[in-house]
Amino acid sequence: MAEANAAAEADPSVLRVSIDSKATVTVGNLSSGGQDRRHQAPKADDHAMAWPQGLTPFGMLNLHTDEVAISLGESAETPDVMVDGLARWWEDHRPKPPKVTTLAINLDGGRATRSDRTQVIKRMVTLARKTGLTLELIDYPPYHSKDNPIERCWAAREQFWNGAILDSVETTLQWPSTMTWQAMQPVVHHGTDVYEKRLR
């Protein structure tokens, strides 16, 4: 893994990226703990209610430029969410003029991207054929997901919206779009597609 990352960094035709998704964020007038930054913090509801909506964060970190893109999707974490997010990111952020022939993709071997899931491999092959890219999947070993570089961005996001009440989709999208990572603001996308969960 370390050798593959080093080789990717040394080859100008290879772009190394780190991708990962996080647990679904419940949208509602709920306390998430922590301290709100405002002079007078808003009050969360103090009794249990049913909150039907949630957004699942999926992030992509360009390890050559430190640019971050975050998709907040209405679907649960699935291989299709991950690959479609990667495809959208490539269309929006690919280098111009094109000089990259390979994407070296750091993954943590989570449930949506495990190499034994045929759906993620099938979708990656389709993406490679569509884009003409070689896709090199570099998995971090079990229990080492914290070493995946995108995890540092997730930690910064959690610290930034610590204590915020994410009471609407708009608010939930706004918070990460106003944070900074390496002096840059992430590009935030609202994913509205809903995918089938049980595809392997």
N, C-alpha and C. Protein backbone atom coordinates (compact mmCIF):
# COMPACT_ATOMS: atom_id res chain seq x y z
N MET A 1 0.82 -1.19 0.00
CA MET A 1 0.00 0.00 0.00
C MET A 1 0.86 1.26 0.00
N ALA A 2 1.84 1.33 0.89
CA ALA A 2 2.72 2.49 0.95
C ALA A 2 3.51 2.63 -0.35
N GLU A 3 3.93 1.50 -0.89
CA GLU A 3 4.68 1.53 -2.15
C GLU A 3 3.79 2.03 -3.29
N ALA A 4 2.53 1.57 -3.31
CA ALA A 4 1.60 2.00 -4.36
C ALA A 4 1.32 3.49 -4.26
N ASN A 5 1.15 4.00 -3.06
CA ASN A 5 0.93 5.44 -2.88
C ASN A 5 2.13 6.24 -3.32
N ALA A 6 3.33 5.77 -2.96
CA ALA A 6 4.55 6.48 -3.35
C ALA A 6 4.73 6.48 -4.86
N ALA A 7 4.43 5.36 -5.50
CA ALA A 7 4.55 5.29 -6.96
C ALA A 7 3.56 6.24 -7.63
N ALA A 8 2.35 6.33 -7.08
CA ALA A 8 1.35 7.23 -7.63
C ALA A 8 1.80 8.68 -7.50
N GLU A 9 2.37 9.03 -6.37
CA GLU A 9 2.84 10.40 -6.16
C GLU A 9 3.98 10.77 -7.11
N ALA A 10 4.79 9.79 -7.48
CA ALA A 10 5.97 10.06 -8.31
C ALA A 10 5.66 10.11 -9.80
N ASP A 11 4.49 9.65 -10.21
CA ASP A 11 4.15 9.54 -11.63
C ASP A 11 3.21 10.67 -12.03
N PRO A 12 3.63 11.58 -12.91
CA PRO A 12 2.77 12.71 -13.27
C PRO A 12 1.51 12.31 -14.04
N SER A 13 1.45 11.09 -14.55
CA SER A 13 0.25 10.64 -15.26
C SER A 13 -0.78 10.03 -14.31
N VAL A 14 -0.44 9.96 -13.02
CA VAL A 14 -1.32 9.36 -12.03
C VAL A 14 -1.80 10.44 -11.07
N LEU A 15 -3.11 10.48 -10.83
CA LEU A 15 -3.69 11.38 -9.84
C LEU A 15 -4.16 10.53 -8.67
N ARG A 16 -3.65 10.83 -7.49
CA ARG A 16 -4.03 10.08 -6.30
C ARG A 16 -5.16 10.81 -5.59
N VAL A 17 -6.23 10.08 -5.31
CA VAL A 17 -7.38 10.64 -4.61
C VAL A 17 -7.75 9.72 -3.45
N SER A 18 -8.43 10.28 -2.49
CA SER A 18 -8.90 9.52 -1.33
C SER A 18 -10.40 9.71 -1.23
N ILE A 19 -11.13 8.59 -1.09
CA ILE A 19 -12.59 8.68 -1.02
C ILE A 19 -13.10 7.89 0.18
N ASP A 20 -14.25 8.33 0.69
CA ASP A 20 -14.86 7.62 1.80
C ASP A 20 -16.24 8.22 2.05
N SER A 21 -17.10 7.44 2.66
CA SER A 21 -18.39 7.95 3.10
C SER A 21 -18.48 7.82 4.61
N LYS A 22 -19.41 8.55 5.20
CA LYS A 22 -19.60 8.52 6.64
C LYS A 22 -21.05 8.18 6.97
N ALA A 23 -21.30 8.01 8.25
CA ALA A 23 -22.63 7.64 8.70
C ALA A 23 -23.65 8.71 8.31
N THR A 24 -24.86 8.26 8.03
CA THR A 24 -25.93 9.18 7.63
C THR A 24 -26.19 10.21 8.73
N VAL A 25 -26.33 11.46 8.30
CA VAL A 25 -26.61 12.57 9.21
C VAL A 25 -28.12 12.77 9.25
N THR A 26 -28.71 12.67 10.43
CA THR A 26 -30.15 12.88 10.56
C THR A 26 -30.46 14.37 10.47
N VAL A 27 -31.43 14.70 9.63
CA VAL A 27 -31.85 16.09 9.46
C VAL A 27 -33.06 16.35 10.36
N GLY A 28 -32.93 17.29 11.26
CA GLY A 28 -34.04 17.60 12.16
C GLY A 28 -33.57 18.55 13.25
N ASN A 29 -34.49 19.02 14.04
CA ASN A 29 -34.18 19.97 15.11
C ASN A 29 -33.61 19.20 16.32
N LEU A 30 -32.45 18.61 16.09
CA LEU A 30 -31.84 17.70 17.07
C LEU A 30 -30.52 18.25 17.57
N SER A 31 -30.25 18.00 18.82
CA SER A 31 -28.94 18.33 19.38
C SER A 31 -27.93 17.28 18.95
N SER A 32 -26.77 17.74 18.50
CA SER A 32 -25.70 16.81 18.14
C SER A 32 -24.56 16.85 19.16
N GLY A 33 -24.83 17.50 20.30
CA GLY A 33 -23.78 17.64 21.31
C GLY A 33 -22.83 18.77 20.92
N GLY A 34 -21.86 19.04 21.75
CA GLY A 34 -20.88 20.07 21.43
C GLY A 34 -21.40 21.46 21.75
N GLN A 35 -20.65 22.47 21.28
CA GLN A 35 -20.95 23.86 21.59
C GLN A 35 -21.29 24.61 20.31
N ASP A 36 -22.43 25.29 20.31
CA ASP A 36 -22.80 26.14 19.18
C ASP A 36 -22.03 27.44 19.26
N ARG A 37 -21.58 27.96 18.10
CA ARG A 37 -20.74 29.16 18.09
C ARG A 37 -21.53 30.46 18.24
N ARG A 38 -22.82 30.41 18.03
CA ARG A 38 -23.59 31.65 18.04
C ARG A 38 -23.76 32.20 19.45
N HIS A 39 -23.99 33.51 19.53
CA HIS A 39 -24.12 34.17 20.84
C HIS A 39 -25.26 33.55 21.63
N GLN A 40 -26.37 33.29 20.96
CA GLN A 40 -27.49 32.62 21.60
C GLN A 40 -27.82 31.37 20.79
N ALA A 41 -27.46 30.23 21.32
CA ALA A 41 -27.64 28.98 20.59
C ALA A 41 -29.13 28.64 20.50
N PRO A 42 -29.56 28.11 19.33
CA PRO A 42 -30.96 27.69 19.21
C PRO A 42 -31.23 26.45 20.06
N LYS A 43 -32.48 26.25 20.40
CA LYS A 43 -32.85 25.11 21.24
C LYS A 43 -33.30 23.94 20.38
N ALA A 44 -32.83 22.77 20.73
CA ALA A 44 -33.27 21.55 20.06
C ALA A 44 -34.51 21.02 20.75
N ASP A 45 -35.24 20.17 20.03
CA ASP A 45 -36.40 19.54 20.65
C ASP A 45 -35.95 18.65 21.79
N ASP A 46 -36.75 18.63 22.87
CA ASP A 46 -36.34 17.90 24.06
C ASP A 46 -37.08 16.57 24.23
N HIS A 47 -37.75 16.10 23.17
CA HIS A 47 -38.42 14.80 23.26
C HIS A 47 -38.25 14.05 21.94
N ALA A 48 -38.38 12.76 22.02
CA ALA A 48 -38.15 11.92 20.86
C ALA A 48 -39.24 12.15 19.81
N MET A 49 -38.77 12.23 18.56
CA MET A 49 -39.69 12.37 17.43
C MET A 49 -39.16 11.51 16.29
N ALA A 50 -39.98 11.29 15.29
CA ALA A 50 -39.55 10.53 14.12
C ALA A 50 -38.96 11.52 13.11
N TRP A 51 -37.72 11.25 12.71
CA TRP A 51 -37.06 12.12 11.74
C TRP A 51 -36.83 11.30 10.47
N PRO A 52 -37.67 11.51 9.46
CA PRO A 52 -37.63 10.62 8.30
C PRO A 52 -36.47 10.87 7.35
N GLN A 53 -35.83 12.02 7.42
CA GLN A 53 -34.84 12.35 6.40
C GLN A 53 -33.43 12.33 6.96
N GLY A 54 -32.51 11.84 6.14
CA GLY A 54 -31.10 11.87 6.49
C GLY A 54 -30.27 12.06 5.23
N LEU A 55 -29.06 12.53 5.39
CA LEU A 55 -28.14 12.73 4.27
C LEU A 55 -26.84 11.98 4.55
N THR A 56 -26.37 11.23 3.57
CA THR A 56 -25.15 10.44 3.73
C THR A 56 -23.98 11.16 3.08
N PRO A 57 -22.96 11.54 3.86
CA PRO A 57 -21.81 12.25 3.29
C PRO A 57 -20.86 11.29 2.54
N PHE A 58 -20.43 11.71 1.38
CA PHE A 58 -19.40 11.02 0.61
C PHE A 58 -18.39 12.06 0.19
N GLY A 59 -17.11 11.83 0.50
CA GLY A 59 -16.09 12.83 0.23
C GLY A 59 -15.00 12.34 -0.69
N MET A 60 -14.43 13.28 -1.44
CA MET A 60 -13.31 13.01 -2.35
C MET A 60 -12.24 14.06 -2.12
N LEU A 61 -11.04 13.61 -1.82
CA LEU A 61 -9.91 14.50 -1.56
C LEU A 61 -8.87 14.30 -2.65
N ASN A 62 -8.57 15.38 -3.38
CA ASN A 62 -7.51 15.37 -4.39
C ASN A 62 -6.19 15.56 -3.65
N LEU A 63 -5.37 14.52 -3.62
CA LEU A 63 -4.15 14.57 -2.82
C LEU A 63 -3.02 15.34 -3.50
N HIS A 64 -3.24 15.80 -4.72
CA HIS A 64 -2.25 16.66 -5.38
C HIS A 64 -2.54 18.14 -5.13
N THR A 65 -3.81 18.50 -4.99
CA THR A 65 -4.17 19.90 -4.81
C THR A 65 -4.79 20.20 -3.45
N ASP A 66 -5.13 19.15 -2.67
CA ASP A 66 -5.82 19.28 -1.38
C ASP A 66 -7.25 19.78 -1.51
N GLU A 67 -7.81 19.77 -2.72
CA GLU A 67 -9.21 20.18 -2.89
C GLU A 67 -10.14 19.06 -2.42
N VAL A 68 -11.23 19.47 -1.77
CA VAL A 68 -12.20 18.52 -1.24
C VAL A 68 -13.55 18.74 -1.90
N ALA A 69 -14.20 17.65 -2.27
CA ALA A 69 -15.59 17.70 -2.73
C ALA A 69 -16.41 16.79 -1.83
N ILE A 70 -17.56 17.27 -1.41
CA ILE A 70 -18.43 16.51 -0.51
C ILE A 70 -19.82 16.40 -1.14
N SER A 71 -20.30 15.17 -1.25
CA SER A 71 -21.66 14.94 -1.70
C SER A 71 -22.49 14.50 -0.51
N LEU A 72 -23.63 15.15 -0.31
CA LEU A 72 -24.57 14.76 0.74
C LEU A 72 -25.78 14.17 0.04
N GLY A 73 -25.89 12.85 0.11
CA GLY A 73 -26.90 12.16 -0.67
C GLY A 73 -28.07 11.67 0.14
N GLU A 74 -29.21 11.54 -0.52
CA GLU A 74 -30.42 11.06 0.13
C GLU A 74 -30.52 9.54 0.14
N SER A 75 -29.51 8.87 -0.44
CA SER A 75 -29.48 7.42 -0.43
C SER A 75 -28.51 6.95 0.65
N ALA A 76 -28.74 5.74 1.15
CA ALA A 76 -27.78 5.13 2.06
C ALA A 76 -26.49 4.82 1.31
N GLU A 77 -25.43 4.53 2.06
CA GLU A 77 -24.14 4.21 1.46
C GLU A 77 -24.25 2.92 0.64
N THR A 78 -23.95 3.01 -0.64
CA THR A 78 -23.95 1.85 -1.53
C THR A 78 -22.77 1.99 -2.50
N PRO A 79 -22.38 0.90 -3.17
CA PRO A 79 -21.34 1.03 -4.19
C PRO A 79 -21.70 2.05 -5.28
N ASP A 80 -22.99 2.11 -5.64
CA ASP A 80 -23.40 3.04 -6.69
C ASP A 80 -23.23 4.49 -6.25
N VAL A 81 -23.52 4.77 -4.99
CA VAL A 81 -23.30 6.13 -4.47
C VAL A 81 -21.83 6.51 -4.62
N MET A 82 -20.94 5.60 -4.23
CA MET A 82 -19.51 5.88 -4.27
C MET A 82 -19.02 6.10 -5.70
N VAL A 83 -19.39 5.20 -6.61
CA VAL A 83 -18.86 5.28 -7.97
C VAL A 83 -19.48 6.46 -8.73
N ASP A 84 -20.78 6.69 -8.55
CA ASP A 84 -21.40 7.85 -9.20
C ASP A 84 -20.81 9.15 -8.67
N GLY A 85 -20.52 9.19 -7.37
CA GLY A 85 -19.87 10.38 -6.80
C GLY A 85 -18.49 10.60 -7.39
N LEU A 86 -17.74 9.53 -7.56
CA LEU A 86 -16.41 9.62 -8.16
C LEU A 86 -16.51 10.07 -9.61
N ALA A 87 -17.48 9.52 -10.36
CA ALA A 87 -17.67 9.89 -11.76
C ALA A 87 -18.02 11.37 -11.89
N ARG A 88 -18.92 11.85 -11.02
CA ARG A 88 -19.31 13.26 -11.06
C ARG A 88 -18.12 14.15 -10.74
N TRP A 89 -17.35 13.73 -9.73
CA TRP A 89 -16.17 14.51 -9.37
C TRP A 89 -15.19 14.60 -10.54
N TRP A 90 -14.97 13.48 -11.23
CA TRP A 90 -14.03 13.49 -12.35
C TRP A 90 -14.51 14.43 -13.46
N GLU A 91 -15.80 14.37 -13.78
CA GLU A 91 -16.33 15.25 -14.82
C GLU A 91 -16.15 16.72 -14.46
N ASP A 92 -16.32 17.05 -13.19
CA ASP A 92 -16.25 18.45 -12.76
C ASP A 92 -14.83 18.94 -12.51
N HIS A 93 -13.91 18.04 -12.17
CA HIS A 93 -12.60 18.48 -11.68
C HIS A 93 -11.40 17.89 -12.42
N ARG A 94 -11.63 17.17 -13.50
CA ARG A 94 -10.49 16.55 -14.18
C ARG A 94 -9.55 17.63 -14.71
N PRO A 95 -8.23 17.34 -14.72
CA PRO A 95 -7.25 18.34 -15.16
C PRO A 95 -7.47 18.71 -16.62
N LYS A 96 -7.26 19.96 -16.92
CA LYS A 96 -7.36 20.46 -18.30
C LYS A 96 -6.10 21.26 -18.59
N PRO A 97 -5.34 20.97 -19.67
CA PRO A 97 -5.59 19.87 -20.60
C PRO A 97 -5.39 18.52 -19.91
N PRO A 98 -6.02 17.46 -20.46
CA PRO A 98 -5.91 16.16 -19.79
C PRO A 98 -4.48 15.63 -19.82
N LYS A 99 -3.96 15.29 -18.67
CA LYS A 99 -2.63 14.70 -18.58
C LYS A 99 -2.61 13.47 -17.68
N VAL A 100 -3.74 13.22 -17.04
CA VAL A 100 -3.85 12.09 -16.13
C VAL A 100 -4.46 10.90 -16.87
N THR A 101 -3.80 9.76 -16.79
CA THR A 101 -4.32 8.54 -17.40
C THR A 101 -4.77 7.52 -16.36
N THR A 102 -4.38 7.75 -15.10
CA THR A 102 -4.69 6.79 -14.03
C THR A 102 -5.16 7.52 -12.78
N LEU A 103 -6.21 7.00 -12.18
CA LEU A 103 -6.61 7.44 -10.84
C LEU A 103 -6.19 6.37 -9.85
N ALA A 104 -5.35 6.75 -8.88
CA ALA A 104 -5.00 5.87 -7.77
C ALA A 104 -5.92 6.25 -6.62
N ILE A 105 -6.81 5.34 -6.26
CA ILE A 105 -7.90 5.65 -5.35
C ILE A 105 -7.67 4.98 -4.00
N ASN A 106 -7.45 5.79 -2.97
CA ASN A 106 -7.32 5.27 -1.61
C ASN A 106 -8.71 5.00 -1.04
N LEU A 107 -8.91 3.75 -0.56
CA LEU A 107 -10.18 3.32 0.03
C LEU A 107 -9.89 2.68 1.38
N ASP A 108 -10.92 2.59 2.22
CA ASP A 108 -10.68 1.94 3.51
C ASP A 108 -11.33 0.56 3.60
N GLY A 109 -11.79 0.03 2.49
CA GLY A 109 -12.37 -1.32 2.53
C GLY A 109 -13.67 -1.39 3.29
N GLY A 110 -14.44 -0.29 3.29
CA GLY A 110 -15.73 -0.28 3.98
C GLY A 110 -16.75 -1.16 3.28
N ARG A 111 -17.96 -1.18 3.84
CA ARG A 111 -18.96 -2.13 3.33
C ARG A 111 -19.37 -1.84 1.89
N ALA A 112 -19.25 -0.59 1.44
CA ALA A 112 -19.65 -0.28 0.06
C ALA A 112 -18.54 -0.52 -0.94
N THR A 113 -17.29 -0.59 -0.48
CA THR A 113 -16.17 -0.66 -1.42
C THR A 113 -15.28 -1.87 -1.22
N ARG A 114 -15.72 -2.84 -0.43
CA ARG A 114 -14.91 -4.04 -0.26
C ARG A 114 -14.69 -4.72 -1.60
N SER A 115 -13.50 -5.26 -1.78
CA SER A 115 -13.15 -5.86 -3.07
C SER A 115 -13.95 -7.13 -3.37
N ASP A 116 -14.65 -7.69 -2.37
CA ASP A 116 -15.46 -8.88 -2.63
C ASP A 116 -16.88 -8.52 -3.05
N ARG A 117 -17.17 -7.24 -3.21
CA ARG A 117 -18.50 -6.83 -3.65
C ARG A 117 -18.47 -6.66 -5.16
N THR A 118 -19.21 -7.50 -5.85
CA THR A 118 -19.17 -7.47 -7.31
C THR A 118 -19.73 -6.18 -7.88
N GLN A 119 -20.67 -5.54 -7.17
CA GLN A 119 -21.28 -4.33 -7.70
C GLN A 119 -20.26 -3.20 -7.81
N VAL A 120 -19.42 -3.02 -6.80
CA VAL A 120 -18.45 -1.93 -6.87
C VAL A 120 -17.41 -2.20 -7.96
N ILE A 121 -17.00 -3.45 -8.13
CA ILE A 121 -16.04 -3.77 -9.19
C ILE A 121 -16.68 -3.57 -10.56
N LYS A 122 -17.91 -4.03 -10.71
CA LYS A 122 -18.63 -3.85 -11.97
C LYS A 122 -18.74 -2.37 -12.33
N ARG A 123 -19.12 -1.55 -11.36
CA ARG A 123 -19.28 -0.12 -11.63
C ARG A 123 -17.95 0.55 -11.90
N MET A 124 -16.89 0.15 -11.21
CA MET A 124 -15.57 0.72 -11.46
C MET A 124 -15.10 0.38 -12.88
N VAL A 125 -15.34 -0.85 -13.31
CA VAL A 125 -14.96 -1.25 -14.68
C VAL A 125 -15.71 -0.41 -15.70
N THR A 126 -17.01 -0.21 -15.47
CA THR A 126 -17.81 0.62 -16.38
C THR A 126 -17.28 2.05 -16.42
N LEU A 127 -16.93 2.60 -15.26
CA LEU A 127 -16.39 3.96 -15.20
C LEU A 127 -15.05 4.04 -15.94
N ALA A 128 -14.20 3.04 -15.77
CA ALA A 128 -12.91 3.04 -16.46
C ALA A 128 -13.10 3.02 -17.97
N ARG A 129 -14.03 2.22 -18.45
CA ARG A 129 -14.29 2.16 -19.89
C ARG A 129 -14.86 3.46 -20.42
N LYS A 130 -15.74 4.08 -19.64
CA LYS A 130 -16.37 5.32 -20.08
C LYS A 130 -15.37 6.47 -20.15
N THR A 131 -14.49 6.55 -19.18
CA THR A 131 -13.55 7.67 -19.10
C THR A 131 -12.23 7.41 -19.80
N GLY A 132 -11.91 6.13 -20.05
CA GLY A 132 -10.60 5.80 -20.60
C GLY A 132 -9.49 5.80 -19.57
N LEU A 133 -9.86 5.93 -18.30
CA LEU A 133 -8.89 5.95 -17.22
C LEU A 133 -8.55 4.54 -16.75
N THR A 134 -7.35 4.37 -16.26
CA THR A 134 -7.00 3.19 -15.47
C THR A 134 -7.32 3.53 -14.01
N LEU A 135 -8.08 2.67 -13.35
CA LEU A 135 -8.43 2.90 -11.95
C LEU A 135 -7.68 1.91 -11.09
N GLU A 136 -6.80 2.42 -10.24
CA GLU A 136 -6.01 1.59 -9.33
C GLU A 136 -6.59 1.74 -7.92
N LEU A 137 -7.16 0.67 -7.38
CA LEU A 137 -7.77 0.72 -6.06
C LEU A 137 -6.74 0.33 -5.01
N ILE A 138 -6.46 1.24 -4.09
CA ILE A 138 -5.46 1.02 -3.05
C ILE A 138 -6.19 0.97 -1.71
N ASP A 139 -6.37 -0.25 -1.20
CA ASP A 139 -7.14 -0.46 0.02
C ASP A 139 -6.26 -0.36 1.26
N TYR A 140 -6.74 0.37 2.26
CA TYR A 140 -6.09 0.33 3.57
C TYR A 140 -6.51 -0.95 4.27
N PRO A 141 -5.63 -1.54 5.04
CA PRO A 141 -5.97 -2.82 5.69
C PRO A 141 -7.03 -2.64 6.76
N PRO A 142 -7.65 -3.75 7.18
CA PRO A 142 -8.67 -3.66 8.23
C PRO A 142 -8.14 -2.94 9.47
N TYR A 143 -9.03 -2.15 10.08
CA TYR A 143 -8.73 -1.39 11.32
C TYR A 143 -7.73 -0.26 11.10
N HIS A 144 -7.48 0.10 9.84
CA HIS A 144 -6.59 1.23 9.55
C HIS A 144 -7.31 2.31 8.74
N SER A 145 -8.63 2.35 8.84
CA SER A 145 -9.38 3.33 8.05
C SER A 145 -8.99 4.76 8.42
N LYS A 146 -8.54 4.97 9.66
CA LYS A 146 -8.15 6.32 10.09
C LYS A 146 -6.96 6.84 9.31
N ASP A 147 -6.20 5.94 8.65
CA ASP A 147 -5.04 6.37 7.88
C ASP A 147 -5.41 6.86 6.48
N ASN A 148 -6.65 6.62 6.06
CA ASN A 148 -7.10 7.12 4.76
C ASN A 148 -7.14 8.64 4.84
N PRO A 149 -6.44 9.36 3.94
CA PRO A 149 -6.30 10.81 4.10
C PRO A 149 -7.60 11.58 4.22
N ILE A 150 -8.69 11.14 3.57
CA ILE A 150 -9.96 11.86 3.65
C ILE A 150 -10.46 11.93 5.09
N GLU A 151 -10.00 11.02 5.96
CA GLU A 151 -10.46 11.03 7.35
C GLU A 151 -10.08 12.34 8.04
N ARG A 152 -8.99 12.96 7.64
CA ARG A 152 -8.62 14.25 8.25
C ARG A 152 -9.64 15.33 7.90
N CYS A 153 -10.18 15.25 6.68
CA CYS A 153 -11.22 16.21 6.29
C CYS A 153 -12.49 15.98 7.07
N TRP A 154 -12.84 14.70 7.28
CA TRP A 154 -14.03 14.41 8.07
C TRP A 154 -13.87 14.93 9.49
N ALA A 155 -12.68 14.79 10.05
CA ALA A 155 -12.45 15.30 11.41
C ALA A 155 -12.63 16.81 11.45
N ALA A 156 -12.14 17.51 10.41
CA ALA A 156 -12.30 18.96 10.36
C ALA A 156 -13.76 19.35 10.22
N ARG A 157 -14.52 18.57 9.44
CA ARG A 157 -15.95 18.85 9.28
C ARG A 157 -16.68 18.68 10.61
N GLU A 158 -16.39 17.60 11.32
CA GLU A 158 -17.05 17.35 12.60
C GLU A 158 -16.76 18.46 13.59
N GLN A 159 -15.52 18.94 13.59
CA GLN A 159 -15.15 20.01 14.51
C GLN A 159 -15.85 21.32 14.12
N PHE A 160 -15.99 21.55 12.80
CA PHE A 160 -16.57 22.80 12.33
C PHE A 160 -18.05 22.90 12.67
N TRP A 161 -18.80 21.80 12.44
CA TRP A 161 -20.23 21.91 12.72
C TRP A 161 -20.60 21.32 14.08
N ASN A 162 -19.61 21.23 14.94
CA ASN A 162 -19.81 20.75 16.31
C ASN A 162 -20.89 21.57 17.00
N GLY A 163 -21.96 20.91 17.41
CA GLY A 163 -23.02 21.59 18.12
C GLY A 163 -24.09 22.22 17.25
N ALA A 164 -23.89 22.26 15.93
CA ALA A 164 -24.88 22.88 15.06
C ALA A 164 -26.15 22.04 15.00
N ILE A 165 -27.29 22.70 14.90
CA ILE A 165 -28.56 22.00 14.73
C ILE A 165 -28.87 21.97 13.23
N LEU A 166 -28.83 20.79 12.66
CA LEU A 166 -29.02 20.61 11.22
C LEU A 166 -30.50 20.32 10.98
N ASP A 167 -31.29 21.39 10.99
CA ASP A 167 -32.74 21.22 11.02
C ASP A 167 -33.38 21.21 9.64
N SER A 168 -32.60 21.32 8.58
CA SER A 168 -33.14 21.26 7.22
C SER A 168 -32.04 20.78 6.28
N VAL A 169 -32.47 20.35 5.11
CA VAL A 169 -31.48 19.94 4.10
C VAL A 169 -30.58 21.12 3.74
N GLU A 170 -31.18 22.30 3.59
CA GLU A 170 -30.41 23.48 3.21
C GLU A 170 -29.33 23.79 4.25
N THR A 171 -29.69 23.71 5.53
CA THR A 171 -28.71 23.96 6.59
C THR A 171 -27.60 22.92 6.57
N THR A 172 -27.97 21.67 6.36
CA THR A 172 -26.99 20.59 6.36
C THR A 172 -26.03 20.74 5.19
N LEU A 173 -26.50 21.24 4.05
CA LEU A 173 -25.63 21.49 2.90
C LEU A 173 -24.76 22.73 3.11
N GLN A 174 -25.30 23.71 3.82
CA GLN A 174 -24.58 24.97 4.00
C GLN A 174 -23.36 24.83 4.90
N TRP A 175 -23.48 24.04 5.97
CA TRP A 175 -22.39 23.96 6.93
C TRP A 175 -21.07 23.50 6.30
N PRO A 176 -21.01 22.37 5.61
CA PRO A 176 -19.71 21.98 5.04
C PRO A 176 -19.22 22.90 3.93
N SER A 177 -20.13 23.60 3.25
CA SER A 177 -19.71 24.49 2.17
C SER A 177 -19.03 25.75 2.69
N THR A 178 -19.18 26.04 3.99
CA THR A 178 -18.56 27.25 4.55
C THR A 178 -17.34 26.94 5.42
N MET A 179 -17.02 25.65 5.59
CA MET A 179 -15.80 25.30 6.32
C MET A 179 -14.59 25.52 5.41
N THR A 180 -13.42 25.45 5.97
CA THR A 180 -12.20 25.54 5.16
C THR A 180 -11.32 24.33 5.41
N TRP A 181 -10.68 23.90 4.35
CA TRP A 181 -9.70 22.82 4.41
C TRP A 181 -8.50 23.26 3.59
N GLN A 182 -7.35 23.39 4.23
CA GLN A 182 -6.14 23.89 3.57
C GLN A 182 -6.43 25.23 2.87
N ALA A 183 -7.15 26.11 3.58
CA ALA A 183 -7.49 27.46 3.12
C ALA A 183 -8.44 27.47 1.93
N MET A 184 -9.11 26.36 1.66
CA MET A 184 -10.08 26.28 0.57
C MET A 184 -11.41 25.76 1.11
N GLN A 185 -12.49 26.18 0.47
CA GLN A 185 -13.80 25.69 0.85
C GLN A 185 -14.18 24.50 -0.02
N PRO A 186 -14.77 23.46 0.56
CA PRO A 186 -15.16 22.30 -0.24
C PRO A 186 -16.25 22.65 -1.25
N VAL A 187 -16.27 21.89 -2.33
CA VAL A 187 -17.40 21.91 -3.25
C VAL A 187 -18.42 20.93 -2.71
N VAL A 188 -19.66 21.37 -2.52
CA VAL A 188 -20.69 20.52 -1.91
C VAL A 188 -21.79 20.26 -2.93
N HIS A 189 -22.18 19.00 -3.02
CA HIS A 189 -23.22 18.57 -3.96
C HIS A 189 -24.33 17.88 -3.19
N HIS A 190 -25.57 18.15 -3.59
CA HIS A 190 -26.72 17.47 -2.99
C HIS A 190 -27.14 16.33 -3.91
N GLY A 191 -26.93 15.11 -3.45
CA GLY A 191 -27.30 13.95 -4.26
C GLY A 191 -28.73 13.53 -3.98
N THR A 192 -29.57 13.53 -5.02
CA THR A 192 -30.98 13.21 -4.83
C THR A 192 -31.35 11.82 -5.34
N ASP A 193 -30.43 11.13 -6.00
CA ASP A 193 -30.72 9.77 -6.47
C ASP A 193 -30.79 8.81 -5.29
N VAL A 194 -31.68 7.85 -5.38
CA VAL A 194 -31.82 6.82 -4.35
C VAL A 194 -31.49 5.48 -5.00
N TYR A 195 -30.60 4.73 -4.35
CA TYR A 195 -30.08 3.49 -4.92
C TYR A 195 -30.54 2.27 -4.13
N GLU A 196 -30.60 1.15 -4.82
CA GLU A 196 -30.95 -0.10 -4.17
C GLU A 196 -29.82 -0.52 -3.23
N LYS A 197 -30.18 -0.95 -2.03
CA LYS A 197 -29.18 -1.23 -1.00
C LYS A 197 -28.51 -2.60 -1.14
N ARG A 198 -29.23 -3.59 -1.61
CA ARG A 198 -28.78 -4.97 -1.44
C ARG A 198 -27.95 -5.50 -2.60
N LEU A 199 -27.58 -4.67 -3.54
CA LEU A 199 -26.75 -5.14 -4.64
C LEU A 199 -25.36 -5.47 -4.13
N ARG A 200 -24.88 -6.65 -4.45
CA ARG A 200 -23.55 -7.05 -4.03
C ARG A 200 -22.54 -6.97 -5.16
